[in-house]
C-alpha atoms as a PDB file:
ATOM      1  CA  MET A   1     155.162  33.579 150.562  1.00  0.00           C
ATOM      2  CA  THR A   2     156.429  36.652 152.683  1.00  0.00           C
ATOM      3  CA  THR A   3     160.513  36.998 150.820  1.00  0.00           C
ATOM      4  CA  ALA A   4     161.501  36.217 154.417  1.00  0.00           C
ATOM      5  CA  LEU A   5     160.361  32.800 154.062  1.00  0.00           C
ATOM      6  CA  LEU A   6     160.989  32.261 150.697  1.00  0.00           C
ATOM      7  CA  ARG A   7     165.114  32.885 151.323  1.00  0.00           C
ATOM      8  CA  ILE A   8     164.806  30.166 154.549  1.00  0.00           C
ATOM      9  CA  ALA A   9     162.743  27.887 152.082  1.00  0.00           C
ATOM     10  CA  LEU A  10     165.537  28.266 148.961  1.00  0.00           C
ATOM     11  CA  ALA A  11     169.093  27.551 150.908  1.00  0.00           C
ATOM     12  CA  ASP A  12     166.995  25.152 154.018  1.00  0.00           C
ATOM     13  CA  THR A  13     169.359  22.201 152.941  1.00  0.00           C
ATOM     14  CA  ALA A  14     167.579  19.509 154.710  1.00  0.00           C
ATOM     15  CA  THR A  15     165.121  20.135 151.650  1.00  0.00           C
ATOM     16  CA  ALA A  16     166.106  18.137 148.084  1.00  0.00           C
ATOM     17  CA  ALA A  17     168.211  20.818 145.902  1.00  0.00           C
ATOM     18  CA  ASP A  18     166.082  19.647 142.557  1.00  0.00           C
ATOM     19  CA  SER A  19     162.349  20.653 144.884  1.00  0.00           C
ATOM     20  CA  ARG A  20     164.557  23.823 145.999  1.00  0.00           C
ATOM     21  CA  ALA A  21     165.008  24.812 142.617  1.00  0.00           C
ATOM     22  CA  LYS A  22     161.418  24.020 141.527  1.00  0.00           C
ATOM     23  CA  VAL A  23     160.008  26.631 145.248  1.00  0.00           C
ATOM     24  CA  ALA A  24     162.463  29.079 142.828  1.00  0.00           C
ATOM     25  CA  GLN A  25     160.984  28.577 139.082  1.00  0.00           C
ATOM     26  CA  ASP A  26     157.252  28.131 140.482  1.00  0.00           C
ATOM     27  CA  VAL A  27     157.254  31.064 142.406  1.00  0.00           C
ATOM     28  CA  LEU A  28     159.136  33.626 140.169  1.00  0.00           C
ATOM     29  CA  ALA A  29     157.743  32.550 137.056  1.00  0.00           C
ATOM     30  CA  GLY A  30     156.002  34.793 135.449  1.00  0.00           C
ATOM     31  CA  LYS A  31     157.652  37.750 137.586  1.00  0.00           C
ATOM     32  CA  VAL A  32     161.206  37.787 136.162  1.00  0.00           C
ATOM     33  CA  THR A  33     162.529  36.854 132.630  1.00  0.00           C
ATOM     34  CA  ASP A  34     163.168  32.790 132.257  1.00  0.00           C
ATOM     35  CA  THR A  35     167.233  33.676 131.668  1.00  0.00           C
ATOM     36  CA  THR A  36     167.284  35.638 135.569  1.00  0.00           C
ATOM     37  CA  ARG A  37     164.438  32.678 136.818  1.00  0.00           C
ATOM     38  CA  ASP A  38     166.876  29.482 135.885  1.00  0.00           C
ATOM     39  CA  VAL A  39     169.647  31.048 138.062  1.00  0.00           C
ATOM     40  CA  VAL A  40     168.662  31.923 140.937  1.00  0.00           C
ATOM     41  CA  ALA A  41     167.011  28.320 140.565  1.00  0.00           C
ATOM     42  CA  SER A  42     170.352  27.149 139.886  1.00  0.00           C
ATOM     43  CA  ALA A  43     172.146  29.127 142.942  1.00  0.00           C
ATOM     44  CA  ALA A  44     168.962  27.583 145.047  1.00  0.00           C
ATOM     45  CA  ALA A  45     169.948  23.638 144.406  1.00  0.00           C
ATOM     46  CA  ARG A  46     173.399  24.353 145.267  1.00  0.00           C
ATOM     47  CA  ASP A  47     174.231  24.363 149.020  1.00  0.00           C
ATOM     48  CA  TRP A  48     174.149  27.264 151.591  1.00  0.00           C
ATOM     49  CA  SER A  49     175.982  27.899 155.367  1.00  0.00           C
ATOM     50  CA  SER A  50     173.066  30.003 154.955  1.00  0.00           C
ATOM     51  CA  GLU A  51     170.465  32.459 153.461  1.00  0.00           C
ATOM     52  CA  ALA A  52     172.518  35.836 153.862  1.00  0.00           C
ATOM     53  CA  ASP A  53     175.271  33.550 152.511  1.00  0.00           C
ATOM     54  CA  LEU A  54     173.015  32.848 149.156  1.00  0.00           C
ATOM     55  CA  VAL A  55     171.313  36.718 149.102  1.00  0.00           C
ATOM     56  CA  SER A  56     174.711  37.581 148.767  1.00  0.00           C
ATOM     57  CA  GLY A  57     175.529  34.978 145.918  1.00  0.00           C
ATOM     58  CA  LEU A  58     172.850  36.456 144.326  1.00  0.00           C
ATOM     59  CA  GLN A  59     173.628  39.883 144.564  1.00  0.00           C
ATOM     60  CA  SER A  60     177.160  39.265 143.255  1.00  0.00           C
ATOM     61  CA  LEU A  61     176.175  37.790 140.479  1.00  0.00           C
ATOM     62  CA  GLY A  62     174.204  40.615 139.575  1.00  0.00           C
ATOM     63  CA  CYS A  63     176.963  43.398 139.911  1.00  0.00           C
ATOM     64  CA  GLU A  64     178.748  41.334 137.743  1.00  0.00           C
ATOM     65  CA  ALA A  65     175.323  41.137 135.489  1.00  0.00           C
ATOM     66  CA  LEU A  66     175.316  44.586 135.283  1.00  0.00           C
ATOM     67  CA  LEU A  67     179.796  45.193 134.590  1.00  0.00           C
ATOM     68  CA  LEU A  68     179.416  42.394 131.943  1.00  0.00           C
ATOM     69  CA  SER A  69     176.641  44.384 130.484  1.00  0.00           C
ATOM     70  CA  ALA A  70     179.115  47.385 130.796  1.00  0.00           C
ATOM     71  CA  LYS A  71     181.967  45.962 129.591  1.00  0.00           C
ATOM     72  CA  GLU A  72     180.156  45.061 126.093  1.00  0.00           C
ATOM     73  CA  SER A  73     178.675  48.333 125.565  1.00  0.00           C
ATOM     74  CA  GLY A  74     182.290  49.734 125.604  1.00  0.00           C
ATOM     75  CA  SER A  75     181.409  51.957 129.092  1.00  0.00           C
ATOM     76  CA  LEU A  76     183.154  49.508 131.589  1.00  0.00           C
ATOM     77  CA  ASP A  77     186.270  52.627 132.133  1.00  0.00           C
ATOM     78  CA  ALA A  78     183.523  54.716 132.707  1.00  0.00           C
ATOM     79  CA  VAL A  79     181.693  53.044 135.824  1.00  0.00           C
ATOM     80  CA  GLU A  80     185.285  51.630 137.006  1.00  0.00           C
ATOM     81  CA  GLU A  81     185.217  55.879 137.377  1.00  0.00           C
ATOM     82  CA  GLU A  82     181.774  56.906 137.652  1.00  0.00           C
ATOM     83  CA  LEU A  83     181.961  54.606 141.054  1.00  0.00           C
ATOM     84  CA  PHE A  84     185.143  55.989 142.354  1.00  0.00           C
ATOM     85  CA  ARG A  85     183.791  59.089 142.351  1.00  0.00           C
ATOM     86  CA  LEU A  86     181.313  58.367 143.673  1.00  0.00           C
ATOM     87  CA  GLY A  87     182.663  56.749 146.450  1.00  0.00           C
ATOM     88  CA  ARG A  88     185.218  59.886 146.585  1.00  0.00           C
ATOM     89  CA  ILE A  89     182.656  62.160 147.207  1.00  0.00           C
ATOM     90  CA  VAL A  90     180.118  59.885 149.516  1.00  0.00           C
ATOM     91  CA  LYS A  91     183.371  59.110 151.846  1.00  0.00           C
ATOM     92  CA  GLY A  92     184.338  62.523 151.931  1.00  0.00           C
ATOM     93  CA  ASP A  93     181.490  63.694 153.533  1.00  0.00           C
ATOM     94  CA  GLY A  94     180.019  61.943 156.603  1.00  0.00           C
ATOM     95  CA  ALA A  95     176.662  63.852 156.933  1.00  0.00           C
ATOM     96  CA  LEU A  96     175.982  62.526 153.323  1.00  0.00           C
ATOM     97  CA  GLU A  97     177.678  58.254 154.688  1.00  0.00           C
ATOM     98  CA  GLN A  98     175.665  58.799 157.810  1.00  0.00           C
ATOM     99  CA  ALA A  99     172.578  60.193 155.982  1.00  0.00           C
ATOM    100  CA  LEU A 100     172.612  56.989 153.344  1.00  0.00           C
ATOM    101  CA  SER A 101     173.552  54.421 155.735  1.00  0.00           C
ATOM    102  CA  ASP A 102     170.931  55.486 158.598  1.00  0.00           C
ATOM    103  CA  ARG A 103     168.270  52.771 158.666  1.00  0.00           C
ATOM    104  CA  THR A 104     166.242  54.481 160.971  1.00  0.00           C
ATOM    105  CA  ARG A 105     165.290  55.846 157.152  1.00  0.00           C
ATOM    106  CA  SER A 106     163.087  54.445 155.274  1.00  0.00           C
ATOM    107  CA  ALA A 107     165.518  52.638 152.058  1.00  0.00           C
ATOM    108  CA  ALA A 108     163.140  54.504 149.652  1.00  0.00           C
ATOM    109  CA  ASP A 109     164.264  57.538 151.202  1.00  0.00           C
ATOM    110  CA  ARG A 110     167.894  56.729 151.490  1.00  0.00           C
ATOM    111  CA  LEU A 111     167.905  55.896 147.773  1.00  0.00           C
ATOM    112  CA  GLY A 112     165.632  58.718 147.074  1.00  0.00           C
ATOM    113  CA  LEU A 113     168.615  61.207 148.937  1.00  0.00           C
ATOM    114  CA  LEU A 114     171.509  58.555 146.643  1.00  0.00           C
ATOM    115  CA  HIS A 115     169.402  60.024 142.983  1.00  0.00           C
ATOM    116  CA  LYS A 116     169.369  63.658 144.016  1.00  0.00           C
ATOM    117  CA  LEU A 117     173.313  62.744 143.874  1.00  0.00           C
ATOM    118  CA  ILE A 118     173.662  60.836 140.639  1.00  0.00           C
ATOM    119  CA  ASP A 119     170.938  61.531 138.338  1.00  0.00           C
ATOM    120  CA  GLY A 120     172.214  62.705 135.449  1.00  0.00           C
ATOM    121  CA  LYS A 121     175.701  62.648 136.372  1.00  0.00           C
ATOM    122  CA  VAL A 122     176.356  58.792 135.852  1.00  0.00           C
ATOM    123  CA  SER A 123     174.838  56.106 133.237  1.00  0.00           C
ATOM    124  CA  ASP A 124     172.289  53.748 134.197  1.00  0.00           C
ATOM    125  CA  VAL A 125     174.627  50.335 135.630  1.00  0.00           C
ATOM    126  CA  THR A 126     176.507  53.153 137.732  1.00  0.00           C
ATOM    127  CA  SER A 127     173.126  54.037 139.279  1.00  0.00           C
ATOM    128  CA  LYS A 128     172.059  50.821 139.865  1.00  0.00           C
ATOM    129  CA  LEU A 129     175.020  49.620 141.494  1.00  0.00           C
ATOM    130  CA  ALA A 130     175.338  52.460 143.544  1.00  0.00           C
ATOM    131  CA  GLU A 131     172.300  52.001 144.819  1.00  0.00           C
ATOM    132  CA  PHE A 132     172.989  48.139 145.675  1.00  0.00           C
ATOM    133  CA  ALA A 133     175.935  49.866 148.280  1.00  0.00           C
ATOM    134  CA  VAL A 134     173.432  51.871 149.760  1.00  0.00           C
ATOM    135  CA  SER A 135     171.034  48.967 150.445  1.00  0.00           C
ATOM    136  CA  ARG A 136     173.459  46.538 151.470  1.00  0.00           C
ATOM    137  CA  THR A 137     173.376  46.336 155.532  1.00  0.00           C
ATOM    138  CA  ASP A 138     176.491  44.982 156.099  1.00  0.00           C
ATOM    139  CA  GLN A 139     178.834  47.702 154.558  1.00  0.00           C
ATOM    140  CA  ALA A 140     178.965  51.466 154.959  1.00  0.00           C
ATOM    141  CA  PRO A 141     177.953  52.823 151.027  1.00  0.00           C
ATOM    142  CA  GLY A 142     181.661  54.341 150.218  1.00  0.00           C
ATOM    143  CA  ASP A 143     183.394  50.684 151.369  1.00  0.00           C
ATOM    144  CA  SER A 144     180.898  49.476 149.565  1.00  0.00           C
ATOM    145  CA  ILE A 145     181.002  51.380 146.044  1.00  0.00           C
ATOM    146  CA  ASP A 146     184.569  51.452 146.317  1.00  0.00           C
ATOM    147  CA  GLU A 147     184.414  47.622 146.439  1.00  0.00           C
ATOM    148  CA  LEU A 148     182.321  48.389 142.807  1.00  0.00           C
ATOM    149  CA  SER A 149     184.615  50.306 141.748  1.00  0.00           C
ATOM    150  CA  GLN A 150     187.898  47.805 142.007  1.00  0.00           C
ATOM    151  CA  LEU A 151     185.366  45.043 140.942  1.00  0.00           C
ATOM    152  CA  ALA A 152     184.792  47.358 137.615  1.00  0.00           C
ATOM    153  CA  ALA A 153     188.098  47.437 137.091  1.00  0.00           C
ATOM    154  CA  ALA A 154     188.833  43.346 138.015  1.00  0.00           C
ATOM    155  CA  SER A 155     186.131  42.775 135.253  1.00  0.00           C
ATOM    156  CA  ASN A 156     188.553  44.417 132.673  1.00  0.00           C
ATOM    157  CA  GLY A 157     191.789  42.453 134.074  1.00  0.00           C
ATOM    158  CA  ARG A 158     193.057  45.635 136.446  1.00  0.00           C
ATOM    159  CA  LYS A 159     193.799  46.037 139.650  1.00  0.00           C
ATOM    160  CA  VAL A 160     193.050  50.162 141.263  1.00  0.00           C
ATOM    161  CA  ALA A 161     196.062  51.958 142.357  1.00  0.00           C
ATOM    162  CA  TYR A 162     194.206  54.300 144.738  1.00  0.00           C
ATOM    163  CA  VAL A 163     197.092  57.288 144.704  1.00  0.00           C
ATOM    164  CA  THR A 164     196.937  60.030 147.109  1.00  0.00           C
ATOM    165  CA  SER A 165     199.790  63.213 145.751  1.00  0.00           C
ATOM    166  CA  ALA A 166     200.718  66.439 146.955  1.00  0.00           C
ATOM    167  CA  GLY A 167     200.146  68.205 143.692  1.00  0.00           C
ATOM    168  CA  GLU A 168     198.086  67.125 140.389  1.00  0.00           C
ATOM    169  CA  LEU A 169     200.458  64.274 138.049  1.00  0.00           C
ATOM    170  CA  SER A 170     200.963  65.080 134.738  1.00  0.00           C
ATOM    171  CA  ALA A 171     200.031  62.556 132.260  1.00  0.00           C
ATOM    172  CA  ASP A 172     203.993  61.574 132.088  1.00  0.00           C
ATOM    173  CA  GLN A 173     204.103  61.161 135.732  1.00  0.00           C
ATOM    174  CA  ARG A 174     200.859  59.258 135.916  1.00  0.00           C
ATOM    175  CA  THR A 175     202.015  56.536 132.759  1.00  0.00           C
ATOM    176  CA  ALA A 176     204.987  56.717 134.880  1.00  0.00           C
ATOM    177  CA  LEU A 177     204.051  55.394 137.895  1.00  0.00           C
ATOM    178  CA  SER A 178     201.124  53.866 136.372  1.00  0.00           C
ATOM    179  CA  ALA A 179     203.643  51.430 134.193  1.00  0.00           C
ATOM    180  CA  LYS A 180     206.000  50.691 137.541  1.00  0.00           C
ATOM    181  CA  LEU A 181     202.800  49.487 139.867  1.00  0.00           C
ATOM    182  CA  ALA A 182     201.626  47.261 136.484  1.00  0.00           C
ATOM    183  CA  ALA A 183     205.564  45.630 137.570  1.00  0.00           C
ATOM    184  CA  ILE A 184     205.025  45.204 140.633  1.00  0.00           C
ATOM    185  CA  PHE A 185     202.092  43.783 140.636  1.00  0.00           C
ATOM    186  CA  ASP A 186     201.990  41.840 137.653  1.00  0.00           C
ATOM    187  CA  ALA A 187     198.747  42.807 136.091  1.00  0.00           C
ATOM    188  CA  PRO A 188     197.902  46.704 133.894  1.00  0.00           C
ATOM    189  CA  VAL A 189     196.958  49.106 136.762  1.00  0.00           C
ATOM    190  CA  THR A 190     194.163  52.189 136.551  1.00  0.00           C
ATOM    191  CA  LEU A 191     195.346  54.827 138.285  1.00  0.00           C
ATOM    192  CA  HIS A 192     193.068  56.499 140.891  1.00  0.00           C
ATOM    193  CA  VAL A 193     194.406  59.927 142.064  1.00  0.00           C
ATOM    194  CA  ASP A 194     193.211  62.593 145.011  1.00  0.00           C
ATOM    195  CA  ILE A 195     195.042  65.320 145.826  1.00  0.00           C
ATOM    196  CA  ASP A 196     196.284  66.375 149.231  1.00  0.00           C
ATOM    197  CA  PRO A 197     198.862  68.969 149.945  1.00  0.00           C
ATOM    198  CA  ALA A 198     199.513  68.478 153.761  1.00  0.00           C
ATOM    199  CA  LEU A 199     201.598  65.624 152.063  1.00  0.00           C
ATOM    200  CA  LEU A 200     204.243  67.960 150.994  1.00  0.00           C
ATOM    201  CA  GLY A 201     205.589  65.642 148.563  1.00  0.00           C
ATOM    202  CA  GLY A 202     205.690  62.269 146.659  1.00  0.00           C
ATOM    203  CA  VAL A 203     202.818  60.319 146.285  1.00  0.00           C
ATOM    204  CA  VAL A 204     200.918  57.582 148.711  1.00  0.00           C
ATOM    205  CA  VAL A 205     199.711  54.529 146.497  1.00  0.00           C
ATOM    206  CA  ARG A 206     197.126  51.737 147.883  1.00  0.00           C
ATOM    207  CA  VAL A 207     196.243  48.410 146.318  1.00  0.00           C
ATOM    208  CA  GLY A 208     194.866  46.259 147.831  1.00  0.00           C
ATOM    209  CA  ASP A 209     195.948  45.793 151.418  1.00  0.00           C
ATOM    210  CA  GLU A 210     199.301  46.729 150.188  1.00  0.00           C
ATOM    211  CA  ARG A 211     200.275  50.672 150.572  1.00  0.00           C
ATOM    212  CA  ILE A 212     203.127  52.433 149.887  1.00  0.00           C
ATOM    213  CA  ASP A 213     204.243  56.090 151.115  1.00  0.00           C
ATOM    214  CA  GLY A 214     207.015  57.347 149.046  1.00  0.00           C
ATOM    215  CA  SER A 215     205.301  61.486 150.188  1.00  0.00           C
ATOM    216  CA  THR A 216     207.577  63.874 151.702  1.00  0.00           C
ATOM    217  CA  ALA A 217     205.607  63.943 155.035  1.00  0.00           C
ATOM    218  CA  GLY A 218     205.591  59.454 155.177  1.00  0.00           C
ATOM    219  CA  ARG A 219     209.344  60.199 154.693  1.00  0.00           C
ATOM    220  CA  ILE A 220     209.641  62.687 157.724  1.00  0.00           C
ATOM    221  CA  ALA A 221     207.192  60.518 159.987  1.00  0.00           C
ATOM    222  CA  THR A 222     210.123  58.062 159.755  1.00  0.00           C
ATOM    223  CA  LEU A 223     213.041  60.075 160.235  1.00  0.00           C
ATOM    224  CA  ARG A 224     211.115  60.864 163.222  1.00  0.00           C
ATOM    225  CA  ARG A 225     210.126  57.881 165.239  1.00  0.00           C
ATOM    226  CA  GLY A 226     214.196  56.790 163.793  1.00  0.00           C
ATOM    227  CA  LEU A 227     215.256  59.639 166.101  1.00  0.00           C
ATOM    228  CA  ARG A 228     213.531  58.716 169.128  1.00  0.00           C
END
């Protein structure tokens, strides 16, 4: 059975749930661990609106399992930071992101380019998550890596604040900003800081869909709009 036919068979709600689960058990027997086979069979027994949703659900479980393994080994903070830095590198280089998302190139070619960038510099968990991000067809690699960084933070019960500052923040400034944001969002907050001198002063903070502009450039822009 081809991969495409297997996806269709496992997501076909016209077939009884236990039959779909049995297909998964039979096809995967001896090819993956028993635990993985049971997880896929359990997923197949559920009702999905499409085969794409089933695949997406299994991919999400895979990412969560990797992050759980990092948490259990005490390396989740490092994975989160590695993903953030990798996301900044990819999104900061248009040619690189285009090459990583170019569907005219083979998956092996795109993954080879990724590994030239990260091999020996990140953990195995980060490497596997980055491979998933680059393999996705529904999202740009940089955005997907950012999403995984936020998922890593959420796995630790934290939110991620993307902070753009006009200059380097001292340890005391980072601590104070983190405390203020934790109070606002009622959860521990991890700061990921980028430097942009164009802000002139202050910071711009993004947490999820929320954006707080406390920069000098932002205040000047607001003043200009008010004078029109």
